N, C-alpha and C. Protein backbone atom coordinates (compact mmCIF):
# COMPACT_ATOMS: atom_id res chain seq x y z
N UNK A 1 172.62 67.92 -25.61
CA UNK A 1 172.07 67.57 -27.38
C UNK A 1 173.11 68.33 -28.19
N UNK A 2 174.06 68.04 -29.09
CA UNK A 2 174.76 68.56 -30.25
C UNK A 2 174.44 69.26 -31.33
N UNK A 3 175.00 69.84 -31.78
CA UNK A 3 174.79 71.15 -32.73
C UNK A 3 174.34 69.67 -34.25
N UNK A 4 175.53 68.70 -34.27
CA UNK A 4 175.22 67.51 -35.32
C UNK A 4 173.77 66.53 -34.88
N UNK A 5 173.27 66.62 -34.12
CA UNK A 5 172.37 65.69 -33.49
C UNK A 5 170.64 66.78 -33.92
N UNK A 6 170.69 67.77 -33.41
CA UNK A 6 170.09 69.17 -34.02
C UNK A 6 169.54 68.42 -35.41
N UNK A 7 170.59 68.31 -36.31
CA UNK A 7 170.50 68.70 -37.94
C UNK A 7 169.86 67.24 -38.54
N UNK A 8 170.51 66.25 -37.69
CA UNK A 8 170.14 64.62 -37.85
C UNK A 8 168.71 65.11 -37.85
N UNK A 9 168.02 65.37 -36.69
CA UNK A 9 166.49 65.44 -36.41
C UNK A 9 165.73 65.89 -37.39
N UNK A 10 166.54 67.20 -37.40
CA UNK A 10 165.41 67.93 -38.96
C UNK A 10 165.77 67.14 -39.59
N UNK A 11 166.64 66.62 -40.32
CA UNK A 11 166.70 66.04 -41.44
C UNK A 11 165.81 64.83 -41.74
N UNK A 12 165.52 64.15 -40.65
CA UNK A 12 164.89 62.82 -40.25
C UNK A 12 163.33 63.60 -40.15
N UNK A 13 163.35 64.37 -40.80
CA UNK A 13 162.11 65.11 -40.26
C UNK A 13 161.32 65.11 -39.17
N UNK A 14 161.34 64.80 -38.16
CA UNK A 14 161.06 64.54 -36.91
C UNK A 14 160.07 65.87 -36.56
N UNK A 15 160.67 67.09 -36.59
CA UNK A 15 160.40 68.08 -35.98
C UNK A 15 159.83 69.33 -37.15
N UNK A 16 159.00 69.58 -37.05
CA UNK A 16 158.21 70.77 -37.34
C UNK A 16 157.83 71.99 -36.74
N UNK A 17 158.67 72.64 -36.54
CA UNK A 17 158.08 73.77 -35.43
C UNK A 17 157.48 75.07 -35.73
N UNK A 18 156.52 75.16 -34.80
CA UNK A 18 155.40 76.59 -35.33
C UNK A 18 156.30 77.85 -35.20
N UNK A 19 156.20 78.50 -35.28
CA UNK A 19 157.14 79.97 -35.26
C UNK A 19 156.50 80.58 -34.13
N UNK A 20 155.88 80.88 -33.70
CA UNK A 20 155.19 80.91 -32.57
C UNK A 20 155.60 80.45 -30.99
N UNK A 21 155.58 78.79 -31.41
CA UNK A 21 156.81 78.04 -30.18
C UNK A 21 158.01 79.09 -30.34
N UNK A 22 158.86 79.07 -31.17
CA UNK A 22 159.76 79.50 -31.52
C UNK A 22 160.34 80.75 -31.06
N UNK A 23 159.52 81.80 -30.94
CA UNK A 23 159.25 82.67 -30.50
C UNK A 23 159.39 83.09 -29.08
N UNK A 24 158.57 82.15 -28.40
CA UNK A 24 158.32 82.13 -27.01
C UNK A 24 158.92 80.90 -26.23
N UNK A 25 159.70 80.03 -26.58
CA UNK A 25 160.23 79.50 -25.67
C UNK A 25 160.85 79.93 -24.54
N UNK A 26 161.24 81.16 -24.82
CA UNK A 26 162.51 81.52 -23.82
C UNK A 26 161.77 81.59 -22.35
N UNK A 27 159.90 82.35 -22.91
CA UNK A 27 159.64 82.92 -22.02
C UNK A 27 159.06 81.47 -21.13
N UNK A 28 158.39 79.96 -21.10
CA UNK A 28 158.65 79.11 -20.87
C UNK A 28 159.95 78.87 -20.00
N UNK A 29 160.59 79.57 -19.58
CA UNK A 29 161.77 79.29 -19.11
C UNK A 29 162.70 77.91 -19.82
N UNK A 30 162.67 77.51 -20.81
CA UNK A 30 163.12 76.51 -21.41
C UNK A 30 164.62 76.75 -21.82
N UNK A 31 165.58 75.51 -21.99
CA UNK A 31 166.72 75.48 -22.59
C UNK A 31 166.53 75.44 -23.92
N UNK A 32 167.57 75.62 -24.72
CA UNK A 32 167.07 75.04 -26.30
C UNK A 32 167.02 73.57 -26.63
N UNK A 33 167.81 73.01 -25.71
CA UNK A 33 167.42 71.39 -25.83
C UNK A 33 166.12 70.93 -25.23
N UNK A 34 165.82 71.30 -24.58
CA UNK A 34 164.78 71.41 -24.04
C UNK A 34 163.24 70.99 -24.52
N UNK A 35 163.73 72.78 -25.50
CA UNK A 35 162.89 72.79 -26.32
C UNK A 35 162.69 72.44 -27.36
N UNK A 36 163.63 71.86 -28.03
CA UNK A 36 163.65 70.68 -28.97
C UNK A 36 163.11 69.23 -28.57
N UNK A 37 163.58 69.13 -27.73
CA UNK A 37 162.94 67.79 -26.98
C UNK A 37 161.44 67.86 -27.13
N UNK A 38 160.64 69.33 -26.40
CA UNK A 38 159.51 69.05 -26.00
C UNK A 38 158.46 69.33 -27.79
N UNK A 39 159.00 69.72 -28.51
CA UNK A 39 158.57 69.92 -30.11
C UNK A 39 158.86 68.34 -30.53
N UNK A 40 159.60 67.56 -30.27
CA UNK A 40 159.22 66.43 -30.66
C UNK A 40 158.25 65.61 -30.26
N UNK A 41 158.03 65.75 -28.97
CA UNK A 41 156.79 65.24 -28.13
C UNK A 41 155.66 65.58 -28.89
N UNK A 42 155.67 67.08 -28.91
CA UNK A 42 154.43 67.50 -29.70
C UNK A 42 154.38 67.16 -31.04
N UNK A 43 155.11 66.49 -31.50
CA UNK A 43 154.50 66.20 -32.90
C UNK A 43 154.44 64.85 -33.03
N UNK A 44 154.28 64.03 -31.59
CA UNK A 44 154.09 62.36 -31.51
C UNK A 44 152.02 63.09 -31.00
N UNK A 45 152.21 63.97 -30.85
CA UNK A 45 150.73 64.50 -30.38
C UNK A 45 150.27 64.54 -29.05
N UNK A 46 148.77 64.80 -28.84
CA UNK A 46 148.48 65.60 -27.32
C UNK A 46 148.69 64.33 -26.18
N UNK A 47 148.54 63.14 -27.23
CA UNK A 47 148.31 61.75 -25.77
C UNK A 47 149.25 60.96 -26.21
N UNK A 48 150.65 61.04 -25.89
CA UNK A 48 151.48 59.89 -27.09
C UNK A 48 151.80 58.72 -25.95
N UNK A 49 152.30 57.31 -26.25
CA UNK A 49 152.47 56.62 -25.51
C UNK A 49 154.32 56.91 -25.34
N UNK A 50 154.40 57.08 -23.67
CA UNK A 50 155.80 56.86 -22.93
C UNK A 50 156.60 55.67 -23.58
N UNK A 51 157.80 56.28 -24.19
CA UNK A 51 158.38 55.35 -24.84
C UNK A 51 159.90 55.80 -24.60
N UNK A 52 160.76 55.81 -23.70
CA UNK A 52 162.06 56.37 -24.09
C UNK A 52 162.78 56.02 -24.94
N UNK A 53 162.84 54.50 -25.21
CA UNK A 53 163.57 53.87 -25.97
C UNK A 53 162.99 53.73 -27.46
N UNK A 54 161.98 54.79 -27.68
CA UNK A 54 161.73 55.12 -29.28
C UNK A 54 162.50 56.39 -29.40
N UNK A 55 162.19 57.23 -27.72
CA UNK A 55 162.97 58.47 -28.29
C UNK A 55 164.36 58.15 -28.71
N UNK A 56 165.10 57.35 -27.48
CA UNK A 56 166.33 57.34 -28.18
C UNK A 56 166.74 57.12 -29.39
N UNK A 57 165.67 56.05 -30.33
CA UNK A 57 166.33 55.63 -31.24
C UNK A 57 166.35 56.35 -32.28
N UNK A 58 164.97 57.56 -32.08
CA UNK A 58 165.02 58.11 -32.87
C UNK A 58 165.24 59.81 -33.49
N UNK A 59 165.90 60.01 -32.11
CA UNK A 59 166.48 61.28 -31.64
C UNK A 59 168.27 60.67 -31.67
N UNK A 60 168.21 59.76 -31.48
CA UNK A 60 170.23 59.27 -31.47
C UNK A 60 170.55 60.39 -30.12
N UNK A 61 170.05 59.72 -29.15
CA UNK A 61 170.45 60.97 -27.81
C UNK A 61 170.76 59.66 -27.06
N UNK A 62 171.37 59.89 -25.85
CA UNK A 62 171.63 59.14 -24.90
C UNK A 62 170.17 59.08 -23.72
N UNK A 63 170.24 57.73 -23.75
CA UNK A 63 168.60 57.60 -22.16
C UNK A 63 168.99 58.49 -21.57
N UNK A 64 170.41 58.86 -20.86
CA UNK A 64 170.33 59.43 -19.51
C UNK A 64 169.68 60.84 -19.47
N UNK A 65 170.09 61.44 -20.97
CA UNK A 65 169.64 62.90 -21.34
C UNK A 65 168.15 62.69 -21.25
N UNK A 66 167.72 61.78 -22.14
CA UNK A 66 166.10 61.71 -22.68
C UNK A 66 165.51 62.04 -21.12
N UNK A 67 166.14 61.05 -20.07
CA UNK A 67 165.36 61.06 -19.33
C UNK A 67 165.68 62.49 -18.26
N UNK A 68 166.23 63.15 -18.29
CA UNK A 68 166.91 64.56 -17.83
C UNK A 68 165.24 65.60 -18.23
N UNK A 69 165.73 65.35 -19.60
CA UNK A 69 164.54 66.46 -20.00
C UNK A 69 163.27 66.20 -20.05
N UNK A 70 162.67 65.04 -19.50
CA UNK A 70 161.81 64.40 -19.04
C UNK A 70 161.09 64.70 -17.82
N UNK A 71 162.21 64.58 -17.08
CA UNK A 71 162.14 65.44 -15.41
C UNK A 71 161.62 66.64 -15.46
N UNK A 72 162.70 67.37 -16.32
CA UNK A 72 162.83 68.72 -16.30
C UNK A 72 161.43 69.53 -16.36
N UNK A 73 160.83 68.94 -18.12
CA UNK A 73 159.59 68.93 -18.59
C UNK A 73 158.52 68.95 -17.42
N UNK A 74 158.93 67.89 -17.00
CA UNK A 74 157.92 67.59 -15.45
C UNK A 74 157.45 68.72 -14.50
N UNK A 75 159.00 68.75 -14.12
CA UNK A 75 158.70 69.49 -13.24
C UNK A 75 158.54 71.01 -13.41
N UNK A 76 158.43 71.51 -14.72
CA UNK A 76 158.03 73.03 -15.05
C UNK A 76 156.80 72.79 -15.08
N UNK A 77 155.71 71.83 -14.97
CA UNK A 77 154.40 71.66 -15.71
C UNK A 77 153.74 71.57 -16.91
N UNK A 78 155.04 71.61 -17.86
CA UNK A 78 154.96 71.44 -19.37
C UNK A 78 153.75 69.94 -19.69
N UNK A 79 154.66 69.10 -19.19
CA UNK A 79 154.13 67.74 -19.57
C UNK A 79 154.03 66.86 -18.21
N UNK A 80 153.03 65.68 -18.64
CA UNK A 80 152.87 65.18 -17.70
C UNK A 80 152.71 63.58 -18.18
N UNK A 81 153.21 62.39 -17.38
CA UNK A 81 153.39 60.89 -17.62
C UNK A 81 152.71 60.87 -17.09
N UNK A 82 151.44 59.92 -17.11
CA UNK A 82 150.36 59.10 -16.15
C UNK A 82 150.17 58.23 -17.07
N UNK A 83 149.26 57.23 -15.34
CA UNK A 83 148.93 55.85 -16.78
C UNK A 83 147.49 55.94 -16.08
N UNK A 84 146.81 55.57 -17.87
CA UNK A 84 145.53 55.62 -18.02
C UNK A 84 145.01 54.30 -18.45
N UNK A 85 143.85 53.96 -19.07
CA UNK A 85 143.03 52.89 -19.60
C UNK A 85 143.21 53.15 -20.45
N UNK A 86 143.53 52.46 -21.80
CA UNK A 86 143.18 52.66 -23.29
C UNK A 86 141.70 52.12 -23.51
N UNK A 87 141.91 52.25 -25.07
CA UNK A 87 140.08 51.54 -25.39
C UNK A 87 139.76 50.35 -25.07
N UNK A 88 141.16 49.59 -25.33
CA UNK A 88 140.47 48.29 -25.02
C UNK A 88 140.98 47.53 -23.68
N UNK A 89 140.93 48.48 -22.69
CA UNK A 89 141.02 48.31 -21.13
C UNK A 89 142.07 47.93 -20.23
N UNK A 90 143.04 47.93 -21.16
CA UNK A 90 144.42 47.84 -20.90
C UNK A 90 145.41 49.16 -20.11
N UNK A 91 145.81 49.08 -19.25
CA UNK A 91 146.94 50.33 -18.46
C UNK A 91 147.93 50.23 -19.52
N UNK A 92 148.21 51.84 -20.10
CA UNK A 92 149.42 52.03 -20.60
C UNK A 92 149.99 53.19 -19.89
N UNK A 93 151.41 54.21 -20.16
CA UNK A 93 151.59 55.07 -19.57
C UNK A 93 151.79 55.87 -20.86
N UNK A 94 151.25 57.47 -20.65
CA UNK A 94 151.33 58.12 -21.80
C UNK A 94 151.71 59.39 -21.21
N UNK A 95 152.04 60.36 -22.25
CA UNK A 95 153.03 61.58 -22.19
C UNK A 95 151.56 62.63 -22.57
N UNK A 96 151.20 63.32 -21.61
CA UNK A 96 150.15 64.31 -21.86
C UNK A 96 150.38 65.85 -21.87
N UNK A 97 150.66 66.38 -23.02
CA UNK A 97 150.69 68.05 -23.43
C UNK A 97 149.98 69.14 -22.57
N UNK A 98 148.77 68.55 -21.76
CA UNK A 98 147.92 69.63 -21.35
C UNK A 98 148.43 71.05 -21.01
N UNK A 99 149.72 70.59 -19.92
CA UNK A 99 150.24 71.89 -19.31
C UNK A 99 151.09 72.76 -19.72
N UNK A 100 151.69 72.36 -21.36
CA UNK A 100 152.13 72.94 -22.38
C UNK A 100 151.44 73.90 -23.41
N UNK A 101 150.15 73.06 -23.10
CA UNK A 101 149.11 74.05 -23.94
C UNK A 101 148.61 75.65 -23.06
N UNK A 102 148.43 74.87 -22.41
CA UNK A 102 147.59 76.01 -21.07
C UNK A 102 148.65 77.07 -21.02
N UNK A 103 149.62 76.61 -20.44
CA UNK A 103 150.92 77.62 -20.42
C UNK A 103 151.08 78.64 -21.39
N UNK A 104 150.81 78.21 -22.83
CA UNK A 104 151.23 78.94 -23.85
C UNK A 104 149.44 79.76 -24.58
N UNK A 105 148.25 79.45 -24.02
CA UNK A 105 147.51 80.06 -23.70
C UNK A 105 147.28 81.14 -23.31
N UNK A 106 147.60 80.83 -21.70
CA UNK A 106 148.00 82.14 -20.54
C UNK A 106 148.96 83.09 -21.16
N UNK A 107 150.12 82.37 -21.78
CA UNK A 107 151.01 83.74 -22.47
C UNK A 107 150.39 84.34 -23.55
N UNK A 108 149.78 84.16 -24.36
CA UNK A 108 149.21 84.82 -25.52
C UNK A 108 148.15 85.67 -24.77
N UNK A 109 147.27 85.01 -23.98
CA UNK A 109 146.22 85.62 -23.26
C UNK A 109 147.37 87.59 -22.74
N UNK A 110 148.20 86.62 -22.07
CA UNK A 110 149.19 88.01 -21.49
C UNK A 110 149.38 88.87 -22.77
N UNK A 111 149.86 88.47 -23.95
CA UNK A 111 150.13 89.55 -25.32
C UNK A 111 149.04 90.16 -25.42
N UNK A 112 147.91 89.63 -25.87
CA UNK A 112 146.61 90.10 -26.41
C UNK A 112 146.29 91.41 -25.05
N UNK A 113 146.98 91.14 -23.67
CA UNK A 113 146.28 92.08 -22.40
C UNK A 113 147.00 93.24 -22.66
N UNK A 114 148.25 92.51 -22.75
CA UNK A 114 149.58 93.72 -22.69
C UNK A 114 148.94 95.03 -24.20
N UNK A 115 148.98 94.21 -25.18
CA UNK A 115 148.65 94.86 -26.38
C UNK A 115 147.35 95.86 -26.62
N UNK A 116 147.08 95.20 -25.82
CA UNK A 116 145.46 95.87 -25.80
C UNK A 116 145.59 97.55 -24.73
N UNK A 117 146.32 97.37 -23.90
CA UNK A 117 146.88 98.42 -23.09
C UNK A 117 147.32 99.41 -23.62
N UNK A 118 148.45 98.98 -24.45
CA UNK A 118 149.15 99.71 -25.36
C UNK A 118 148.64 100.89 -25.97
N UNK A 119 147.67 100.18 -26.68
CA UNK A 119 146.85 100.29 -27.80
C UNK A 119 146.23 101.62 -26.93
N UNK A 120 145.41 101.24 -26.06
CA UNK A 120 144.29 102.24 -25.58
C UNK A 120 144.96 103.17 -24.95
N UNK A 121 146.40 103.17 -24.14
CA UNK A 121 146.94 104.32 -23.80
C UNK A 121 147.68 105.53 -24.93
N UNK A 122 148.21 104.67 -25.81
CA UNK A 122 148.38 105.84 -26.63
C UNK A 122 147.13 106.51 -27.57
N UNK A 123 146.47 106.23 -27.53
CA UNK A 123 144.60 106.61 -27.83
C UNK A 123 144.60 107.74 -27.13
N UNK A 124 144.75 107.41 -25.76
CA UNK A 124 144.34 108.12 -24.80
C UNK A 124 145.07 109.37 -24.85
N UNK A 125 146.51 109.37 -25.17
CA UNK A 125 147.59 110.55 -24.95
C UNK A 125 147.27 111.30 -26.23
N UNK A 126 146.75 110.74 -27.27
CA UNK A 126 146.68 111.74 -28.27
C UNK A 126 145.37 112.55 -28.25
N UNK A 127 144.41 112.13 -28.26
CA UNK A 127 142.94 112.63 -27.36
C UNK A 127 143.01 113.79 -26.22
N UNK A 128 143.96 113.45 -25.34
CA UNK A 128 144.39 114.50 -24.32
C UNK A 128 144.81 115.39 -24.78
N UNK A 129 146.10 115.60 -25.88
CA UNK A 129 146.81 116.33 -26.51
C UNK A 129 145.75 117.36 -27.51
N UNK A 130 145.21 116.28 -28.49
CA UNK A 130 144.34 117.24 -29.25
C UNK A 130 143.01 118.01 -28.26
N UNK A 131 142.47 117.41 -26.72
CA UNK A 131 141.49 117.95 -26.12
C UNK A 131 140.05 117.59 -27.06
N UNK A 132 139.98 116.63 -27.75
CA UNK A 132 139.15 116.34 -28.18
C UNK A 132 139.12 114.32 -28.43
N UNK A 133 137.46 113.90 -29.37
CA UNK A 133 137.81 112.53 -29.41
C UNK A 133 138.59 112.41 -31.04
N UNK A 134 139.06 111.60 -30.83
CA UNK A 134 139.82 110.79 -32.27
C UNK A 134 138.68 110.56 -33.28
N UNK A 135 138.97 110.99 -34.64
CA UNK A 135 137.99 110.84 -35.77
C UNK A 135 138.08 109.45 -36.23
N UNK A 136 137.72 108.36 -36.85
CA UNK A 136 137.44 107.35 -37.09
C UNK A 136 138.88 106.79 -38.10
N UNK A 137 139.18 107.90 -39.35
CA UNK A 137 140.35 108.38 -39.75
C UNK A 137 141.68 108.14 -38.73
N UNK A 138 142.01 109.43 -37.76
CA UNK A 138 142.89 109.58 -36.99
C UNK A 138 143.08 108.26 -35.93
N UNK A 139 141.83 107.35 -35.53
CA UNK A 139 142.24 106.05 -35.03
C UNK A 139 142.66 104.87 -35.87
N UNK A 140 142.40 104.95 -37.74
CA UNK A 140 143.44 104.27 -38.21
C UNK A 140 144.78 104.59 -38.64
N UNK A 141 144.92 105.59 -38.55
CA UNK A 141 146.49 106.45 -38.80
C UNK A 141 147.10 105.71 -37.35
N UNK A 142 146.97 106.02 -36.16
CA UNK A 142 147.64 105.49 -35.23
C UNK A 142 148.01 103.93 -35.06
N UNK A 143 146.81 103.19 -35.74
CA UNK A 143 146.96 102.13 -35.76
C UNK A 143 147.82 101.54 -36.08
N UNK A 144 147.93 102.48 -37.70
CA UNK A 144 148.59 101.61 -38.39
C UNK A 144 150.24 101.64 -38.45
N UNK A 145 150.45 103.13 -37.08
CA UNK A 145 151.86 103.42 -36.73
C UNK A 145 152.00 101.94 -35.49
N UNK A 146 151.48 101.35 -34.55
CA UNK A 146 151.26 100.36 -33.49
C UNK A 146 151.72 99.51 -34.50
N UNK A 147 150.92 99.05 -35.73
CA UNK A 147 151.02 97.93 -36.71
C UNK A 147 152.47 97.26 -37.46
N UNK A 148 153.06 99.01 -37.43
CA UNK A 148 154.48 99.07 -38.05
C UNK A 148 155.31 99.10 -36.81
N UNK A 149 154.86 98.51 -35.71
CA UNK A 149 156.21 98.52 -34.30
C UNK A 149 156.47 99.76 -34.42
N UNK A 150 156.02 101.09 -34.33
CA UNK A 150 156.32 102.39 -33.77
C UNK A 150 155.86 102.66 -32.05
N UNK A 151 157.15 102.77 -31.53
CA UNK A 151 157.03 102.58 -29.99
C UNK A 151 156.31 103.82 -29.45
N UNK A 152 155.84 103.65 -28.46
CA UNK A 152 154.43 104.56 -27.92
C UNK A 152 155.43 105.97 -27.54
N UNK A 153 156.56 105.62 -26.81
CA UNK A 153 157.69 106.71 -26.66
C UNK A 153 157.59 107.58 -27.85
N UNK A 154 157.87 106.88 -28.98
CA UNK A 154 158.55 107.45 -30.21
C UNK A 154 157.65 108.50 -30.71
N UNK A 155 156.22 108.04 -30.38
CA UNK A 155 155.12 108.55 -31.21
C UNK A 155 154.75 110.05 -29.78
N UNK A 156 155.27 109.79 -28.84
CA UNK A 156 154.72 110.56 -27.45
C UNK A 156 155.82 111.53 -28.23
N UNK A 157 156.86 111.31 -28.54
CA UNK A 157 158.12 112.30 -28.91
C UNK A 157 157.95 113.01 -30.30
N UNK A 158 157.12 113.01 -31.13
CA UNK A 158 156.58 113.55 -32.47
C UNK A 158 155.71 114.09 -31.92
N UNK A 159 154.65 113.73 -30.88
CA UNK A 159 153.27 114.77 -30.92
C UNK A 159 153.91 116.24 -29.82
N UNK A 160 155.04 115.80 -29.20
CA UNK A 160 156.00 117.15 -28.41
C UNK A 160 156.35 117.63 -29.30
N UNK A 161 157.13 117.30 -30.54
CA UNK A 161 157.84 117.90 -31.67
C UNK A 161 156.24 119.02 -32.73
N UNK A 162 155.00 118.24 -32.82
CA UNK A 162 154.21 119.16 -33.46
C UNK A 162 153.79 119.91 -32.22
N UNK A 163 153.64 119.69 -31.05
CA UNK A 163 153.02 120.61 -30.39
C UNK A 163 154.11 121.86 -30.17
N UNK A 164 155.36 121.51 -30.18
CA UNK A 164 156.27 122.65 -30.09
C UNK A 164 156.24 123.62 -30.99
N UNK A 165 155.63 122.73 -32.42
CA UNK A 165 155.84 123.85 -33.83
C UNK A 165 154.83 124.25 -34.01
N UNK A 166 153.89 124.52 -32.58
CA UNK A 166 152.50 124.88 -32.77
C UNK A 166 151.51 124.34 -33.75
N UNK A 167 151.44 122.82 -33.74
CA UNK A 167 150.43 122.62 -34.95
C UNK A 167 149.80 121.18 -33.92
N UNK A 168 148.45 120.72 -34.39
CA UNK A 168 147.69 119.88 -33.36
C UNK A 168 147.22 119.15 -34.75
N UNK A 169 147.88 117.88 -35.18
CA UNK A 169 147.53 117.67 -36.17
C UNK A 169 147.99 116.31 -36.87
N UNK A 170 147.34 115.06 -36.86
CA UNK A 170 147.74 114.09 -36.92
C UNK A 170 147.90 113.39 -38.33
N UNK A 171 147.98 114.37 -39.40
CA UNK A 171 148.86 114.07 -40.75
C UNK A 171 150.47 114.62 -40.24
N UNK A 172 151.12 115.81 -39.60
CA UNK A 172 151.77 116.35 -39.55
C UNK A 172 152.79 114.97 -38.36
N UNK A 173 152.00 114.88 -37.54
CA UNK A 173 152.73 114.38 -36.41
C UNK A 173 152.88 112.88 -37.00
N UNK A 174 152.64 112.42 -38.40
CA UNK A 174 152.40 111.20 -39.14
C UNK A 174 153.77 111.56 -40.17
N UNK A 175 153.65 112.98 -40.57
CA UNK A 175 155.15 113.30 -41.32
C UNK A 175 156.44 112.96 -40.51
N UNK A 176 156.29 113.58 -39.64
CA UNK A 176 157.42 113.77 -38.49
C UNK A 176 158.28 112.00 -38.36
N UNK A 177 156.87 111.56 -37.99
CA UNK A 177 157.78 109.91 -37.84
C UNK A 177 158.03 109.38 -39.35
N UNK A 178 157.55 109.69 -40.09
CA UNK A 178 158.02 109.01 -41.34
C UNK A 178 159.29 109.59 -41.89
N UNK A 179 159.78 110.80 -41.33
CA UNK A 179 160.87 111.67 -42.00
C UNK A 179 161.65 110.82 -40.64
N UNK A 180 161.44 110.77 -39.17
CA UNK A 180 162.46 110.42 -38.16
C UNK A 180 162.58 108.97 -38.61
N UNK A 181 161.82 108.05 -39.62
CA UNK A 181 162.02 106.83 -40.23
C UNK A 181 163.27 106.63 -40.86
N UNK A 182 162.97 107.53 -42.03
CA UNK A 182 163.90 107.87 -42.98
C UNK A 182 165.21 107.74 -42.79
N UNK A 183 165.52 108.49 -41.79
CA UNK A 183 166.71 108.97 -41.08
C UNK A 183 167.00 107.96 -40.05
N UNK A 184 166.31 106.92 -39.66
CA UNK A 184 166.81 106.01 -39.03
C UNK A 184 166.54 106.16 -37.68
N UNK A 185 166.13 107.14 -37.27
CA UNK A 185 165.68 107.59 -35.89
C UNK A 185 164.40 106.46 -35.13
N UNK A 186 164.68 105.80 -34.59
CA UNK A 186 163.73 105.05 -33.46
C UNK A 186 163.31 104.51 -32.16
N UNK A 187 164.11 105.68 -31.70
CA UNK A 187 163.98 105.44 -30.18
C UNK A 187 164.31 106.91 -29.87
N UNK A 188 163.98 107.29 -28.75
CA UNK A 188 163.73 108.70 -27.86
C UNK A 188 165.67 108.74 -28.16
N UNK A 189 166.15 108.00 -27.54
CA UNK A 189 167.81 108.34 -27.58
C UNK A 189 167.77 109.08 -29.13
N UNK A 190 167.75 108.28 -30.16
CA UNK A 190 167.86 108.95 -31.36
C UNK A 190 167.11 110.37 -31.83
N UNK A 191 165.73 110.50 -31.12
CA UNK A 191 165.29 111.87 -31.15
C UNK A 191 166.37 112.98 -30.78
N UNK A 192 166.70 112.74 -28.84
CA UNK A 192 167.43 113.45 -28.39
C UNK A 192 168.56 113.86 -29.37
N UNK A 193 169.20 112.67 -29.60
CA UNK A 193 170.80 112.99 -30.17
C UNK A 193 170.55 113.93 -31.52
N UNK A 194 169.63 113.49 -32.47
CA UNK A 194 169.39 114.41 -33.60
C UNK A 194 168.78 115.80 -32.92
N UNK A 195 167.83 116.18 -32.36
CA UNK A 195 168.24 117.51 -31.46
C UNK A 195 169.07 118.06 -31.18
N UNK A 196 170.22 117.26 -30.90
CA UNK A 196 171.56 117.82 -29.96
C UNK A 196 172.44 118.39 -31.50
N UNK A 197 172.38 117.45 -32.66
CA UNK A 197 172.90 117.62 -33.79
C UNK A 197 172.96 119.09 -34.65
N UNK A 198 171.13 119.09 -34.26
CA UNK A 198 170.56 120.31 -34.88
C UNK A 198 171.61 121.49 -34.45
N UNK A 199 170.64 121.20 -33.14
CA UNK A 199 171.38 122.76 -32.27
C UNK A 199 172.72 122.73 -32.60
N UNK A 200 173.43 121.64 -32.61
CA UNK A 200 174.85 122.33 -33.24
C UNK A 200 175.43 123.25 -33.90
N UNK A 201 174.28 122.62 -35.16
CA UNK A 201 174.25 122.71 -36.65
C UNK A 201 174.14 124.85 -36.29
N UNK A 202 173.08 124.51 -35.53
CA UNK A 202 172.40 125.90 -35.96
C UNK A 202 173.47 127.23 -35.43
N UNK A 203 174.05 126.68 -34.05
CA UNK A 203 175.43 127.41 -33.48
C UNK A 203 176.56 127.60 -34.50
N UNK A 204 176.68 126.25 -35.22
CA UNK A 204 177.90 126.66 -36.17
C UNK A 204 177.62 127.96 -37.32
N UNK A 205 176.33 127.57 -37.59
CA UNK A 205 175.96 128.43 -38.98
C UNK A 205 175.70 129.81 -38.40
N UNK A 206 175.28 129.79 -37.00
CA UNK A 206 175.27 131.73 -36.29
C UNK A 206 176.67 131.85 -36.13
N UNK A 207 178.02 131.55 -36.22
CA UNK A 207 178.87 131.66 -36.22
C UNK A 207 179.68 132.25 -37.22
N UNK A 208 178.90 131.26 -38.24
CA UNK A 208 179.59 131.58 -39.63
C UNK A 208 178.70 132.73 -40.59
N UNK A 209 178.10 133.51 -39.69
CA UNK A 209 177.16 134.73 -40.27
C UNK A 209 177.46 135.67 -39.51
N UNK A 210 178.45 135.91 -38.70
CA UNK A 210 178.99 137.31 -38.27
C UNK A 210 179.39 137.89 -38.84
N UNK A 211 178.60 139.85 -38.43
CA UNK A 211 178.70 140.46 -39.95
C UNK A 211 180.51 140.99 -39.57
N UNK A 212 180.87 140.57 -41.08
CA UNK A 212 182.33 140.50 -41.39
C UNK A 212 182.80 142.33 -41.06
N UNK A 213 181.75 142.99 -41.27
CA UNK A 213 182.16 144.99 -41.05
C UNK A 213 182.33 144.74 -39.55
N UNK A 214 181.58 144.06 -38.88
CA UNK A 214 182.33 144.91 -37.30
C UNK A 214 183.50 143.65 -36.97
N UNK A 215 183.43 142.88 -37.46
CA UNK A 215 184.86 142.27 -37.17
C UNK A 215 185.94 142.62 -37.75
N UNK A 216 185.93 143.34 -39.04
CA UNK A 216 186.79 143.84 -39.77
C UNK A 216 187.33 145.58 -38.85
N UNK A 217 186.25 145.91 -38.42
CA UNK A 217 186.06 147.18 -37.70
C UNK A 217 187.62 147.71 -37.07
N UNK A 218 188.02 148.84 -37.53
CA UNK A 218 189.21 149.04 -37.11
C UNK A 218 189.30 150.33 -35.68
N UNK A 219 188.85 149.62 -34.37
CA UNK A 219 188.62 150.29 -33.25
C UNK A 219 189.66 151.23 -32.84
N UNK A 220 190.76 151.36 -33.73
CA UNK A 220 191.90 152.34 -33.06
C UNK A 220 191.78 153.56 -33.46
N UNK A 221 191.16 153.69 -35.06
CA UNK A 221 191.26 154.71 -36.01
C UNK A 221 189.97 154.91 -36.38
N UNK A 222 188.92 155.17 -35.21
CA UNK A 222 187.50 155.82 -35.13
C UNK A 222 187.64 157.25 -35.10
N UNK A 223 186.84 157.77 -35.89
CA UNK A 223 186.84 158.98 -35.99
C UNK A 223 185.19 160.05 -35.15
N UNK A 224 185.04 159.09 -34.63
CA UNK A 224 183.28 159.22 -34.27
C UNK A 224 183.47 159.80 -32.91
N UNK A 225 184.79 160.18 -32.61
CA UNK A 225 184.65 161.15 -31.05
C UNK A 225 184.71 162.43 -31.88
């Protein structure tokens, strides 16, 4: 399917793609072309008549490509083409999207489980560091970090920084994360690079503060003997 065909499909109003589908189609191991065709079937409904000629006409695609996508989506268990009896008692061939919905649901459940584990882990890390249970206010502060896509590793680094400075206070850690954000620090590597730069600056400042009296001392004219 060429870019021109994509544009025509959208122009004709055949596709309205939910953002969640767009963000996750690669997890379903779909090519972009397969995904676009699947979204076209999605617009037709959960159970639509199997009509390759209609697909060809509306999508302006070769019939061979359409059949290729149908075979691929069937093999990936995202669609099923079945013969069923309609309301009038007549047999008809339909496309079912049950497999697609099932895989999306599993994907969403896995994401929620990962998020839940992720959050509970960081809460436990902070409680272990503080040696006590978090207050509701502290819980909300940590939750705000997570909601703002703060990585667990970066939060751990901020905790280390606070501990190194002898502070076990969530507000202090929040300040560290805020300052890092202003400096564009988003990863553990960024933190390490920043620490290295600060260490270099301290060394340079130490070198520039050498006692000039010692440097200018006339060792050959020392009358101390």
